[in-house]
Amino acid sequence: MAQSLGYVTRHENGNFEGVLSMGLNSRIKIVSNEAKDKETQPDFRIFSAQLGEIGGGWNRVGKTSNKPYLSLTLAHPMIGPRKVYANLGAASESSDDEFAILWNPQD
């Protein structure tokens, strides 16, 4: 079952801002990667107010739903020894701009 690691709000410019809870309780920003010049580079970069850059985000399309979503990878020694993979999912049915950072642990 997916667990929420935090919540973000999408702004009009397409960037996100919110809080990453997972032990850090840090304000984060997920901003468009304007310097992207290769397909393998992230579409978004993730920054923590306390730690600097902590990850990236890639635009994906669901295989079954065919709906777009943002796949996140978080990595920093303060987060833990392994990368954390998560997705942005709708946090509320009443708002199209509120998202939960959803983690589905594999172990």
PDB file of N, CA and C in Angstrom:
ATOM      1  N   MET A   1       0.836  -1.176   0.000  1.00  0.00           N
ATOM      2  CA  MET A   1       0.000   0.000   0.000  1.00  0.00           C
ATOM      3  C   MET A   1       0.885   1.245   0.000  1.00  0.00           C
ATOM      4  N   ALA A   2       0.538   2.208  -0.799  1.00  0.00           N
ATOM      5  CA  ALA A   2       1.311   3.446  -0.917  1.00  0.00           C
ATOM      6  C   ALA A   2       1.215   4.266   0.361  1.00  0.00           C
ATOM      7  N   GLN A   3       2.328   4.906   0.703  1.00  0.00           N
ATOM      8  CA  GLN A   3       2.386   5.767   1.876  1.00  0.00           C
ATOM      9  C   GLN A   3       2.779   7.162   1.431  1.00  0.00           C
ATOM     10  N   SER A   4       2.239   8.182   2.075  1.00  0.00           N
ATOM     11  CA  SER A   4       2.549   9.557   1.714  1.00  0.00           C
ATOM     12  C   SER A   4       3.820  10.020   2.421  1.00  0.00           C
ATOM     13  N   LEU A   5       4.749  10.558   1.647  1.00  0.00           N
ATOM     14  CA  LEU A   5       5.993  11.107   2.184  1.00  0.00           C
ATOM     15  C   LEU A   5       5.908  12.614   2.340  1.00  0.00           C
ATOM     16  N   GLY A   6       4.850  13.212   1.815  1.00  0.00           N
ATOM     17  CA  GLY A   6       4.677  14.654   1.896  1.00  0.00           C
ATOM     18  C   GLY A   6       3.612  15.113   0.921  1.00  0.00           C
ATOM     19  N   TYR A   7       3.461  16.418   0.838  1.00  0.00           N
ATOM     20  CA  TYR A   7       2.428  17.009  -0.019  1.00  0.00           C
ATOM     21  C   TYR A   7       2.986  18.231  -0.724  1.00  0.00           C
ATOM     22  N   VAL A   8       2.553  18.439  -1.970  1.00  0.00           N
ATOM     23  CA  VAL A   8       2.960  19.614  -2.738  1.00  0.00           C
ATOM     24  C   VAL A   8       1.756  20.206  -3.455  1.00  0.00           C
ATOM     25  N   THR A   9       1.884  21.469  -3.806  1.00  0.00           N
ATOM     26  CA  THR A   9       0.866  22.188  -4.566  1.00  0.00           C
ATOM     27  C   THR A   9       1.489  22.625  -5.884  1.00  0.00           C
ATOM     28  N   ARG A  10       0.748  22.429  -6.975  1.00  0.00           N
ATOM     29  CA  ARG A  10       1.220  22.868  -8.293  1.00  0.00           C
ATOM     30  C   ARG A  10       0.835  24.325  -8.496  1.00  0.00           C
ATOM     31  N   HIS A  11       1.810  25.117  -8.944  1.00  0.00           N
ATOM     32  CA  HIS A  11       1.577  26.526  -9.240  1.00  0.00           C
ATOM     33  C   HIS A  11       1.244  26.709 -10.718  1.00  0.00           C
ATOM     34  N   GLU A  12       0.803  27.894 -11.089  1.00  0.00           N
ATOM     35  CA  GLU A  12       0.414  28.178 -12.473  1.00  0.00           C
ATOM     36  C   GLU A  12       1.553  27.952 -13.463  1.00  0.00           C
ATOM     37  N   ASN A  13       2.803  28.130 -13.022  1.00  0.00           N
ATOM     38  CA  ASN A  13       3.946  27.952 -13.914  1.00  0.00           C
ATOM     39  C   ASN A  13       4.327  26.484 -14.099  1.00  0.00           C
ATOM     40  N   GLY A  14       3.597  25.552 -13.451  1.00  0.00           N
ATOM     41  CA  GLY A  14       3.848  24.123 -13.602  1.00  0.00           C
ATOM     42  C   GLY A  14       4.800  23.550 -12.571  1.00  0.00           C
ATOM     43  N   ASN A  15       5.417  24.393 -11.755  1.00  0.00           N
ATOM     44  CA  ASN A  15       6.296  23.931 -10.691  1.00  0.00           C
ATOM     45  C   ASN A  15       5.481  23.598  -9.444  1.00  0.00           C
ATOM     46  N   PHE A  16       6.108  22.880  -8.507  1.00  0.00           N
ATOM     47  CA  PHE A  16       5.437  22.429  -7.293  1.00  0.00           C
ATOM     48  C   PHE A  16       6.200  22.932  -6.072  1.00  0.00           C
ATOM     49  N   GLU A  17       5.467  23.098  -4.968  1.00  0.00           N
ATOM     50  CA  GLU A  17       6.092  23.499  -3.709  1.00  0.00           C
ATOM     51  C   GLU A  17       5.314  22.876  -2.566  1.00  0.00           C
ATOM     52  N   GLY A  18       6.041  22.418  -1.534  1.00  0.00           N
ATOM     53  CA  GLY A  18       5.365  21.799  -0.407  1.00  0.00           C
ATOM     54  C   GLY A  18       6.332  21.325   0.644  1.00  0.00           C
ATOM     55  N   VAL A  19       5.955  20.210   1.317  1.00  0.00           N
ATOM     56  CA  VAL A  19       6.745  19.684   2.423  1.00  0.00           C
ATOM     57  C   VAL A  19       7.022  18.205   2.199  1.00  0.00           C
ATOM     58  N   LEU A  20       8.293  17.823   2.396  1.00  0.00           N
ATOM     59  CA  LEU A  20       8.703  16.423   2.388  1.00  0.00           C
ATOM     60  C   LEU A  20       8.847  16.016   3.843  1.00  0.00           C
ATOM     61  N   SER A  21       8.033  15.079   4.298  1.00  0.00           N
ATOM     62  CA  SER A  21       7.989  14.733   5.717  1.00  0.00           C
ATOM     63  C   SER A  21       9.037  13.703   6.117  1.00  0.00           C
ATOM     64  N   MET A  22       9.203  12.670   5.415  1.00  0.00           N
ATOM     65  CA  MET A  22      10.023  11.501   5.716  1.00  0.00           C
ATOM     66  C   MET A  22      11.257  11.742   6.594  1.00  0.00           C
ATOM     67  N   GLY A  23      11.058  12.179   7.832  1.00  0.00           N
ATOM     68  CA  GLY A  23      12.146  12.383   8.767  1.00  0.00           C
ATOM     69  C   GLY A  23      12.832  13.732   8.640  1.00  0.00           C
ATOM     70  N   LEU A  24      12.678  14.391   7.495  1.00  0.00           N
ATOM     71  CA  LEU A  24      13.337  15.673   7.270  1.00  0.00           C
ATOM     72  C   LEU A  24      12.450  16.846   7.639  1.00  0.00           C
ATOM     73  N   ASN A  25      11.181  16.715   7.352  1.00  0.00           N
ATOM     74  CA  ASN A  25      10.215  17.794   7.530  1.00  0.00           C
ATOM     75  C   ASN A  25      10.737  19.082   6.899  1.00  0.00           C
ATOM     76  N   SER A  26      11.098  18.978   5.629  1.00  0.00           N
ATOM     77  CA  SER A  26      11.740  20.073   4.907  1.00  0.00           C
ATOM     78  C   SER A  26      10.830  20.625   3.816  1.00  0.00           C
ATOM     79  N   ARG A  27      10.872  21.943   3.627  1.00  0.00           N
ATOM     80  CA  ARG A  27      10.176  22.567   2.499  1.00  0.00           C
ATOM     81  C   ARG A  27      10.905  22.139   1.230  1.00  0.00           C
ATOM     82  N   ILE A  28      10.153  21.789   0.200  1.00  0.00           N
ATOM     83  CA  ILE A  28      10.764  21.401  -1.073  1.00  0.00           C
ATOM     84  C   ILE A  28      10.131  22.163  -2.225  1.00  0.00           C
ATOM     85  N   LYS A  29      10.891  22.219  -3.307  1.00  0.00           N
ATOM     86  CA  LYS A  29      10.401  22.749  -4.573  1.00  0.00           C
ATOM     87  C   LYS A  29      10.739  21.731  -5.652  1.00  0.00           C
ATOM     88  N   ILE A  30       9.791  21.501  -6.530  1.00  0.00           N
ATOM     89  CA  ILE A  30      10.001  20.643  -7.700  1.00  0.00           C
ATOM     90  C   ILE A  30       9.857  21.572  -8.895  1.00  0.00           C
ATOM     91  N   VAL A  31      10.991  21.859  -9.546  1.00  0.00           N
ATOM     92  CA  VAL A  31      11.011  22.874 -10.599  1.00  0.00           C
ATOM     93  C   VAL A  31      11.406  22.277 -11.941  1.00  0.00           C
ATOM     94  N   SER A  32      10.828  22.833 -12.984  1.00  0.00           N
ATOM     95  CA  SER A  32      11.114  22.379 -14.337  1.00  0.00           C
ATOM     96  C   SER A  32      12.613  22.486 -14.626  1.00  0.00           C
ATOM     97  N   ASN A  33      13.167  21.459 -15.241  1.00  0.00           N
ATOM     98  CA  ASN A  33      14.588  21.426 -15.585  1.00  0.00           C
ATOM     99  C   ASN A  33      14.784  22.119 -16.936  1.00  0.00           C
ATOM    100  N   GLU A  34      15.014  23.408 -16.891  1.00  0.00           N
ATOM    101  CA  GLU A  34      15.180  24.198 -18.119  1.00  0.00           C
ATOM    102  C   GLU A  34      16.447  23.831 -18.882  1.00  0.00           C
ATOM    103  N   ALA A  35      17.420  23.200 -18.197  1.00  0.00           N
ATOM    104  CA  ALA A  35      18.696  22.847 -18.830  1.00  0.00           C
ATOM    105  C   ALA A  35      18.684  21.443 -19.435  1.00  0.00           C
ATOM    106  N   LYS A  36      17.545  20.763 -19.436  1.00  0.00           N
ATOM    107  CA  LYS A  36      17.474  19.401 -19.957  1.00  0.00           C
ATOM    108  C   LYS A  36      17.834  19.388 -21.437  1.00  0.00           C
ATOM    109  N   ASP A  37      18.845  18.566 -21.782  1.00  0.00           N
ATOM    110  CA  ASP A  37      19.216  18.450 -23.189  1.00  0.00           C
ATOM    111  C   ASP A  37      19.365  17.000 -23.641  1.00  0.00           C
ATOM    112  N   LYS A  38      19.064  16.048 -22.749  1.00  0.00           N
ATOM    113  CA  LYS A  38      19.090  14.622 -23.089  1.00  0.00           C
ATOM    114  C   LYS A  38      17.841  13.964 -22.522  1.00  0.00           C
ATOM    115  N   GLU A  39      17.354  12.944 -23.186  1.00  0.00           N
ATOM    116  CA  GLU A  39      16.141  12.247 -22.766  1.00  0.00           C
ATOM    117  C   GLU A  39      16.287  11.624 -21.379  1.00  0.00           C
ATOM    118  N   THR A  40      17.492  11.214 -21.011  1.00  0.00           N
ATOM    119  CA  THR A  40      17.711  10.557 -19.718  1.00  0.00           C
ATOM    120  C   THR A  40      17.739  11.534 -18.544  1.00  0.00           C
ATOM    121  N   GLN A  41      17.885  12.807 -18.801  1.00  0.00           N
ATOM    122  CA  GLN A  41      17.904  13.796 -17.729  1.00  0.00           C
ATOM    123  C   GLN A  41      16.475  14.035 -17.224  1.00  0.00           C
ATOM    124  N   PRO A  42      16.349  14.413 -15.946  1.00  0.00           N
ATOM    125  CA  PRO A  42      15.000  14.613 -15.400  1.00  0.00           C
ATOM    126  C   PRO A  42      14.288  15.811 -16.012  1.00  0.00           C
ATOM    127  N   ASP A  43      12.967  15.720 -16.060  1.00  0.00           N
ATOM    128  CA  ASP A  43      12.133  16.833 -16.521  1.00  0.00           C
ATOM    129  C   ASP A  43      12.004  17.888 -15.424  1.00  0.00           C
ATOM    130  N   PHE A  44      12.170  17.452 -14.170  1.00  0.00           N
ATOM    131  CA  PHE A  44      12.096  18.343 -13.008  1.00  0.00           C
ATOM    132  C   PHE A  44      13.280  18.062 -12.084  1.00  0.00           C
ATOM    133  N   ARG A  45      13.684  19.068 -11.338  1.00  0.00           N
ATOM    134  CA  ARG A  45      14.700  18.918 -10.303  1.00  0.00           C
ATOM    135  C   ARG A  45      14.046  19.208  -8.961  1.00  0.00           C
ATOM    136  N   ILE A  46      14.450  18.456  -7.937  1.00  0.00           N
ATOM    137  CA  ILE A  46      13.844  18.583  -6.609  1.00  0.00           C
ATOM    138  C   ILE A  46      14.858  19.201  -5.659  1.00  0.00           C
ATOM    139  N   PHE A  47      14.451  20.279  -4.998  1.00  0.00           N
ATOM    140  CA  PHE A  47      15.324  20.994  -4.075  1.00  0.00           C
ATOM    141  C   PHE A  47      14.693  21.044  -2.687  1.00  0.00           C
ATOM    142  N   SER A  48      15.515  20.833  -1.675  1.00  0.00           N
ATOM    143  CA  SER A  48      15.113  20.975  -0.282  1.00  0.00           C
ATOM    144  C   SER A  48      15.676  22.286   0.242  1.00  0.00           C
ATOM    145  N   ALA A  49      14.890  22.979   1.051  1.00  0.00           N
ATOM    146  CA  ALA A  49      15.350  24.239   1.633  1.00  0.00           C
ATOM    147  C   ALA A  49      16.591  24.014   2.497  1.00  0.00           C
ATOM    148  N   GLN A  50      16.705  22.841   3.129  1.00  0.00           N
ATOM    149  CA  GLN A  50      17.818  22.567   4.028  1.00  0.00           C
ATOM    150  C   GLN A  50      18.985  21.847   3.365  1.00  0.00           C
ATOM    151  N   LEU A  51      18.711  21.017   2.353  1.00  0.00           N
ATOM    152  CA  LEU A  51      19.743  20.121   1.820  1.00  0.00           C
ATOM    153  C   LEU A  51      20.210  20.437   0.407  1.00  0.00           C
ATOM    154  N   GLY A  52      19.580  21.356  -0.264  1.00  0.00           N
ATOM    155  CA  GLY A  52      19.920  21.618  -1.666  1.00  0.00           C
ATOM    156  C   GLY A  52      19.213  20.637  -2.582  1.00  0.00           C
ATOM    157  N   GLU A  53      19.851  20.256  -3.680  1.00  0.00           N
ATOM    158  CA  GLU A  53      19.209  19.352  -4.639  1.00  0.00           C
ATOM    159  C   GLU A  53      19.177  17.937  -4.070  1.00  0.00           C
ATOM    160  N   ILE A  54      17.989  17.332  -4.099  1.00  0.00           N
ATOM    161  CA  ILE A  54      17.826  15.994  -3.526  1.00  0.00           C
ATOM    162  C   ILE A  54      17.222  14.986  -4.502  1.00  0.00           C
ATOM    163  N   GLY A  55      16.980  15.377  -5.753  1.00  0.00           N
ATOM    164  CA  GLY A  55      16.412  14.396  -6.670  1.00  0.00           C
ATOM    165  C   GLY A  55      15.906  14.988  -7.958  1.00  0.00           C
ATOM    166  N   GLY A  56      15.202  14.132  -8.698  1.00  0.00           N
ATOM    167  CA  GLY A  56      14.658  14.534  -9.987  1.00  0.00           C
ATOM    168  C   GLY A  56      13.294  13.914 -10.219  1.00  0.00           C
ATOM    169  N   GLY A  57      12.604  14.434 -11.224  1.00  0.00           N
ATOM    170  CA  GLY A  57      11.282  13.931 -11.584  1.00  0.00           C
ATOM    171  C   GLY A  57      11.147  13.774 -13.084  1.00  0.00           C
ATOM    172  N   TRP A  58      10.486  12.715 -13.508  1.00  0.00           N
ATOM    173  CA  TRP A  58      10.309  12.422 -14.918  1.00  0.00           C
ATOM    174  C   TRP A  58       8.824  12.343 -15.253  1.00  0.00           C
ATOM    175  N   ASN A  59       8.434  12.946 -16.367  1.00  0.00           N
ATOM    176  CA  ASN A  59       7.064  12.840 -16.865  1.00  0.00           C
ATOM    177  C   ASN A  59       6.861  11.430 -17.395  1.00  0.00           C
ATOM    178  N   ARG A  60       5.815  10.784 -16.957  1.00  0.00           N
ATOM    179  CA  ARG A  60       5.480   9.430 -17.390  1.00  0.00           C
ATOM    180  C   ARG A  60       3.997   9.368 -17.731  1.00  0.00           C
ATOM    181  N   VAL A  61       3.608   8.282 -18.413  1.00  0.00           N
ATOM    182  CA  VAL A  61       2.205   8.022 -18.730  1.00  0.00           C
ATOM    183  C   VAL A  61       1.878   6.630 -18.224  1.00  0.00           C
ATOM    184  N   GLY A  62       0.791   6.505 -17.464  1.00  0.00           N
ATOM    185  CA  GLY A  62       0.376   5.221 -16.906  1.00  0.00           C
ATOM    186  C   GLY A  62       0.075   4.200 -17.989  1.00  0.00           C
ATOM    187  N   LYS A  63       0.565   2.981 -17.815  1.00  0.00           N
ATOM    188  CA  LYS A  63       0.358   1.918 -18.809  1.00  0.00           C
ATOM    189  C   LYS A  63      -1.108   1.532 -18.932  1.00  0.00           C
ATOM    190  N   THR A  64      -1.809   1.483 -17.817  1.00  0.00           N
ATOM    191  CA  THR A  64      -3.213   1.092 -17.829  1.00  0.00           C
ATOM    192  C   THR A  64      -4.130   2.295 -17.980  1.00  0.00           C
ATOM    193  N   SER A  65      -3.874   3.334 -17.190  1.00  0.00           N
ATOM    194  CA  SER A  65      -4.769   4.496 -17.179  1.00  0.00           C
ATOM    195  C   SER A  65      -4.541   5.439 -18.350  1.00  0.00           C
ATOM    196  N   ASN A  66      -3.341   5.392 -18.925  1.00  0.00           N
ATOM    197  CA  ASN A  66      -2.960   6.306 -20.008  1.00  0.00           C
ATOM    198  C   ASN A  66      -2.952   7.764 -19.549  1.00  0.00           C
ATOM    199  N   LYS A  67      -2.869   7.980 -18.228  1.00  0.00           N
ATOM    200  CA  LYS A  67      -2.857   9.329 -17.666  1.00  0.00           C
ATOM    201  C   LYS A  67      -1.424   9.735 -17.330  1.00  0.00           C
ATOM    202  N   PRO A  68      -1.093  11.013 -17.537  1.00  0.00           N
ATOM    203  CA  PRO A  68       0.260  11.471 -17.194  1.00  0.00           C
ATOM    204  C   PRO A  68       0.454  11.563 -15.681  1.00  0.00           C
ATOM    205  N   TYR A  69       1.679  11.316 -15.240  1.00  0.00           N
ATOM    206  CA  TYR A  69       2.029  11.474 -13.830  1.00  0.00           C
ATOM    207  C   TYR A  69       3.509  11.820 -13.736  1.00  0.00           C
ATOM    208  N   LEU A  70       3.964  12.181 -12.556  1.00  0.00           N
ATOM    209  CA  LEU A  70       5.355  12.541 -12.330  1.00  0.00           C
ATOM    210  C   LEU A  70       5.992  11.483 -11.444  1.00  0.00           C
ATOM    211  N   SER A  71       7.038  10.826 -11.956  1.00  0.00           N
ATOM    212  CA  SER A  71       7.796   9.820 -11.228  1.00  0.00           C
ATOM    213  C   SER A  71       9.003  10.510 -10.599  1.00  0.00           C
ATOM    214  N   LEU A  72       9.188  10.329  -9.273  1.00  0.00           N
ATOM    215  CA  LEU A  72      10.252  11.014  -8.547  1.00  0.00           C
ATOM    216  C   LEU A  72      11.303  10.033  -8.054  1.00  0.00           C
ATOM    217  N   THR A  73      12.555  10.490  -8.040  1.00  0.00           N
ATOM    218  CA  THR A  73      13.657   9.771  -7.410  1.00  0.00           C
ATOM    219  C   THR A  73      14.317  10.722  -6.433  1.00  0.00           C
ATOM    220  N   LEU A  74      14.391  10.316  -5.165  1.00  0.00           N
ATOM    221  CA  LEU A  74      15.002  11.126  -4.120  1.00  0.00           C
ATOM    222  C   LEU A  74      16.268  10.432  -3.633  1.00  0.00           C
ATOM    223  N   ALA A  75      17.354  11.193  -3.480  1.00  0.00           N
ATOM    224  CA  ALA A  75      18.607  10.609  -3.012  1.00  0.00           C
ATOM    225  C   ALA A  75      19.425  11.661  -2.275  1.00  0.00           C
ATOM    226  N   HIS A  76      19.751  11.366  -1.035  1.00  0.00           N
ATOM    227  CA  HIS A  76      20.610  12.230  -0.221  1.00  0.00           C
ATOM    228  C   HIS A  76      20.955  11.433   1.032  1.00  0.00           C
ATOM    229  N   PRO A  77      22.177  11.579   1.561  1.00  0.00           N
ATOM    230  CA  PRO A  77      22.535  10.837   2.771  1.00  0.00           C
ATOM    231  C   PRO A  77      21.561  11.045   3.942  1.00  0.00           C
ATOM    232  N   MET A  78      20.961  12.220   4.040  1.00  0.00           N
ATOM    233  CA  MET A  78      20.007  12.469   5.122  1.00  0.00           C
ATOM    234  C   MET A  78      18.683  11.723   4.917  1.00  0.00           C
ATOM    235  N   ILE A  79      18.404  11.309   3.683  1.00  0.00           N
ATOM    236  CA  ILE A  79      17.192  10.544   3.394  1.00  0.00           C
ATOM    237  C   ILE A  79      17.407   9.074   3.737  1.00  0.00           C
ATOM    238  N   GLY A  80      18.619   8.573   3.496  1.00  0.00           N
ATOM    239  CA  GLY A  80      18.932   7.177   3.778  1.00  0.00           C
ATOM    240  C   GLY A  80      19.944   6.642   2.796  1.00  0.00           C
ATOM    241  N   PRO A  81      20.341   5.379   2.980  1.00  0.00           N
ATOM    242  CA  PRO A  81      21.390   4.802   2.150  1.00  0.00           C
ATOM    243  C   PRO A  81      20.955   4.426   0.732  1.00  0.00           C
ATOM    244  N   ARG A  82      19.650   4.363   0.492  1.00  0.00           N
ATOM    245  CA  ARG A  82      19.160   3.974  -0.834  1.00  0.00           C
ATOM    246  C   ARG A  82      18.297   5.074  -1.437  1.00  0.00           C
ATOM    247  N   LYS A  83      18.202   5.060  -2.759  1.00  0.00           N
ATOM    248  CA  LYS A  83      17.292   5.991  -3.429  1.00  0.00           C
ATOM    249  C   LYS A  83      15.865   5.654  -3.037  1.00  0.00           C
ATOM    250  N   VAL A  84      15.034   6.679  -2.989  1.00  0.00           N
ATOM    251  CA  VAL A  84      13.615   6.502  -2.714  1.00  0.00           C
ATOM    252  C   VAL A  84      12.864   6.853  -3.989  1.00  0.00           C
ATOM    253  N   TYR A  85      12.031   5.927  -4.450  1.00  0.00           N
ATOM    254  CA  TYR A  85      11.230   6.141  -5.650  1.00  0.00           C
ATOM    255  C   TYR A  85       9.785   6.402  -5.248  1.00  0.00           C
ATOM    256  N   ALA A  86       9.193   7.435  -5.846  1.00  0.00           N
ATOM    257  CA  ALA A  86       7.824   7.821  -5.495  1.00  0.00           C
ATOM    258  C   ALA A  86       7.141   8.418  -6.724  1.00  0.00           C
ATOM    259  N   ASN A  87       5.858   8.642  -6.617  1.00  0.00           N
ATOM    260  CA  ASN A  87       5.068   9.282  -7.662  1.00  0.00           C
ATOM    261  C   ASN A  87       4.219  10.381  -7.037  1.00  0.00           C
ATOM    262  N   LEU A  88       3.869  11.369  -7.846  1.00  0.00           N
ATOM    263  CA  LEU A  88       2.899  12.364  -7.383  1.00  0.00           C
ATOM    264  C   LEU A  88       1.511  11.846  -7.706  1.00  0.00           C
ATOM    265  N   GLY A  89       0.659  11.804  -6.710  1.00  0.00           N
ATOM    266  CA  GLY A  89      -0.713  11.363  -6.897  1.00  0.00           C
ATOM    267  C   GLY A  89      -1.670  12.406  -6.352  1.00  0.00           C
ATOM    268  N   ALA A  90      -2.858  12.432  -6.880  1.00  0.00           N
ATOM    269  CA  ALA A  90      -3.869  13.401  -6.432  1.00  0.00           C
ATOM    270  C   ALA A  90      -4.085  13.264  -4.927  1.00  0.00           C
ATOM    271  N   ALA A  91      -4.001  14.392  -4.222  1.00  0.00           N
ATOM    272  CA  ALA A  91      -4.186  14.391  -2.764  1.00  0.00           C
ATOM    273  C   ALA A  91      -5.636  14.606  -2.387  1.00  0.00           C
ATOM    274  N   SER A  92      -6.400  15.189  -3.307  1.00  0.00           N
ATOM    275  CA  SER A  92      -7.793  15.499  -2.991  1.00  0.00           C
ATOM    276  C   SER A  92      -8.608  15.494  -4.271  1.00  0.00           C
ATOM    277  N   GLU A  93      -9.840  15.041  -4.153  1.00  0.00           N
ATOM    278  CA  GLU A  93     -10.725  15.034  -5.321  1.00  0.00           C
ATOM    279  C   GLU A  93     -11.242  16.423  -5.639  1.00  0.00           C
ATOM    280  N   SER A  94     -11.126  17.338  -4.684  1.00  0.00           N
ATOM    281  CA  SER A  94     -11.674  18.681  -4.883  1.00  0.00           C
ATOM    282  C   SER A  94     -10.683  19.652  -5.510  1.00  0.00           C
ATOM    283  N   SER A  95      -9.417  19.235  -5.666  1.00  0.00           N
ATOM    284  CA  SER A  95      -8.413  20.140  -6.230  1.00  0.00           C
ATOM    285  C   SER A  95      -7.524  19.400  -7.217  1.00  0.00           C
ATOM    286  N   ASP A  96      -7.307  20.030  -8.372  1.00  0.00           N
ATOM    287  CA  ASP A  96      -6.413  19.463  -9.381  1.00  0.00           C
ATOM    288  C   ASP A  96      -4.964  19.871  -9.150  1.00  0.00           C
ATOM    289  N   ASP A  97      -4.703  20.692  -8.139  1.00  0.00           N
ATOM    290  CA  ASP A  97      -3.365  21.217  -7.905  1.00  0.00           C
ATOM    291  C   ASP A  97      -2.731  20.737  -6.606  1.00  0.00           C
ATOM    292  N   GLU A  98      -3.383  19.858  -5.863  1.00  0.00           N
ATOM    293  CA  GLU A  98      -2.850  19.320  -4.606  1.00  0.00           C
ATOM    294  C   GLU A  98      -2.416  17.875  -4.843  1.00  0.00           C
ATOM    295  N   PHE A  99      -1.143  17.576  -4.512  1.00  0.00           N
ATOM    296  CA  PHE A  99      -0.595  16.249  -4.768  1.00  0.00           C
ATOM    297  C   PHE A  99       0.087  15.679  -3.533  1.00  0.00           C
ATOM    298  N   ALA A 100      -0.002  14.365  -3.383  1.00  0.00           N
ATOM    299  CA  ALA A 100       0.729  13.636  -2.350  1.00  0.00           C
ATOM    300  C   ALA A 100       1.937  12.990  -3.015  1.00  0.00           C
ATOM    301  N   ILE A 101       3.046  12.946  -2.290  1.00  0.00           N
ATOM    302  CA  ILE A 101       4.227  12.219  -2.749  1.00  0.00           C
ATOM    303  C   ILE A 101       4.053  10.805  -2.230  1.00  0.00           C
ATOM    304  N   LEU A 102       3.742   9.876  -3.133  1.00  0.00           N
ATOM    305  CA  LEU A 102       3.371   8.515  -2.756  1.00  0.00           C
ATOM    306  C   LEU A 102       4.526   7.548  -2.951  1.00  0.00           C
ATOM    307  N   TRP A 103       4.851   6.812  -1.898  1.00  0.00           N
ATOM    308  CA  TRP A 103       5.924   5.840  -1.890  1.00  0.00           C
ATOM    309  C   TRP A 103       5.323   4.462  -1.690  1.00  0.00           C
ATOM    310  N   ASN A 104       5.714   3.511  -2.504  1.00  0.00           N
ATOM    311  CA  ASN A 104       5.245   2.148  -2.366  1.00  0.00           C
ATOM    312  C   ASN A 104       6.471   1.267  -2.158  1.00  0.00           C
ATOM    313  N   PRO A 105       6.857   1.034  -0.889  1.00  0.00           N
ATOM    314  CA  PRO A 105       8.084   0.277  -0.633  1.00  0.00           C
ATOM    315  C   PRO A 105       8.035  -1.120  -1.209  1.00  0.00           C
ATOM    316  N   GLN A 106       9.171  -1.551  -1.734  1.00  0.00           N
ATOM    317  CA  GLN A 106       9.263  -2.871  -2.352  1.00  0.00           C
ATOM    318  C   GLN A 106       9.643  -3.947  -1.359  1.00  0.00           C
ATOM    319  N   ASP A 107      10.188  -3.566  -0.199  1.00  0.00           N
ATOM    320  CA  ASP A 107      10.598  -4.587   0.784  1.00  0.00           C
ATOM    321  C   ASP A 107       9.949  -4.372   2.127  1.00  0.00           C
TER     322      ASP A 107
END
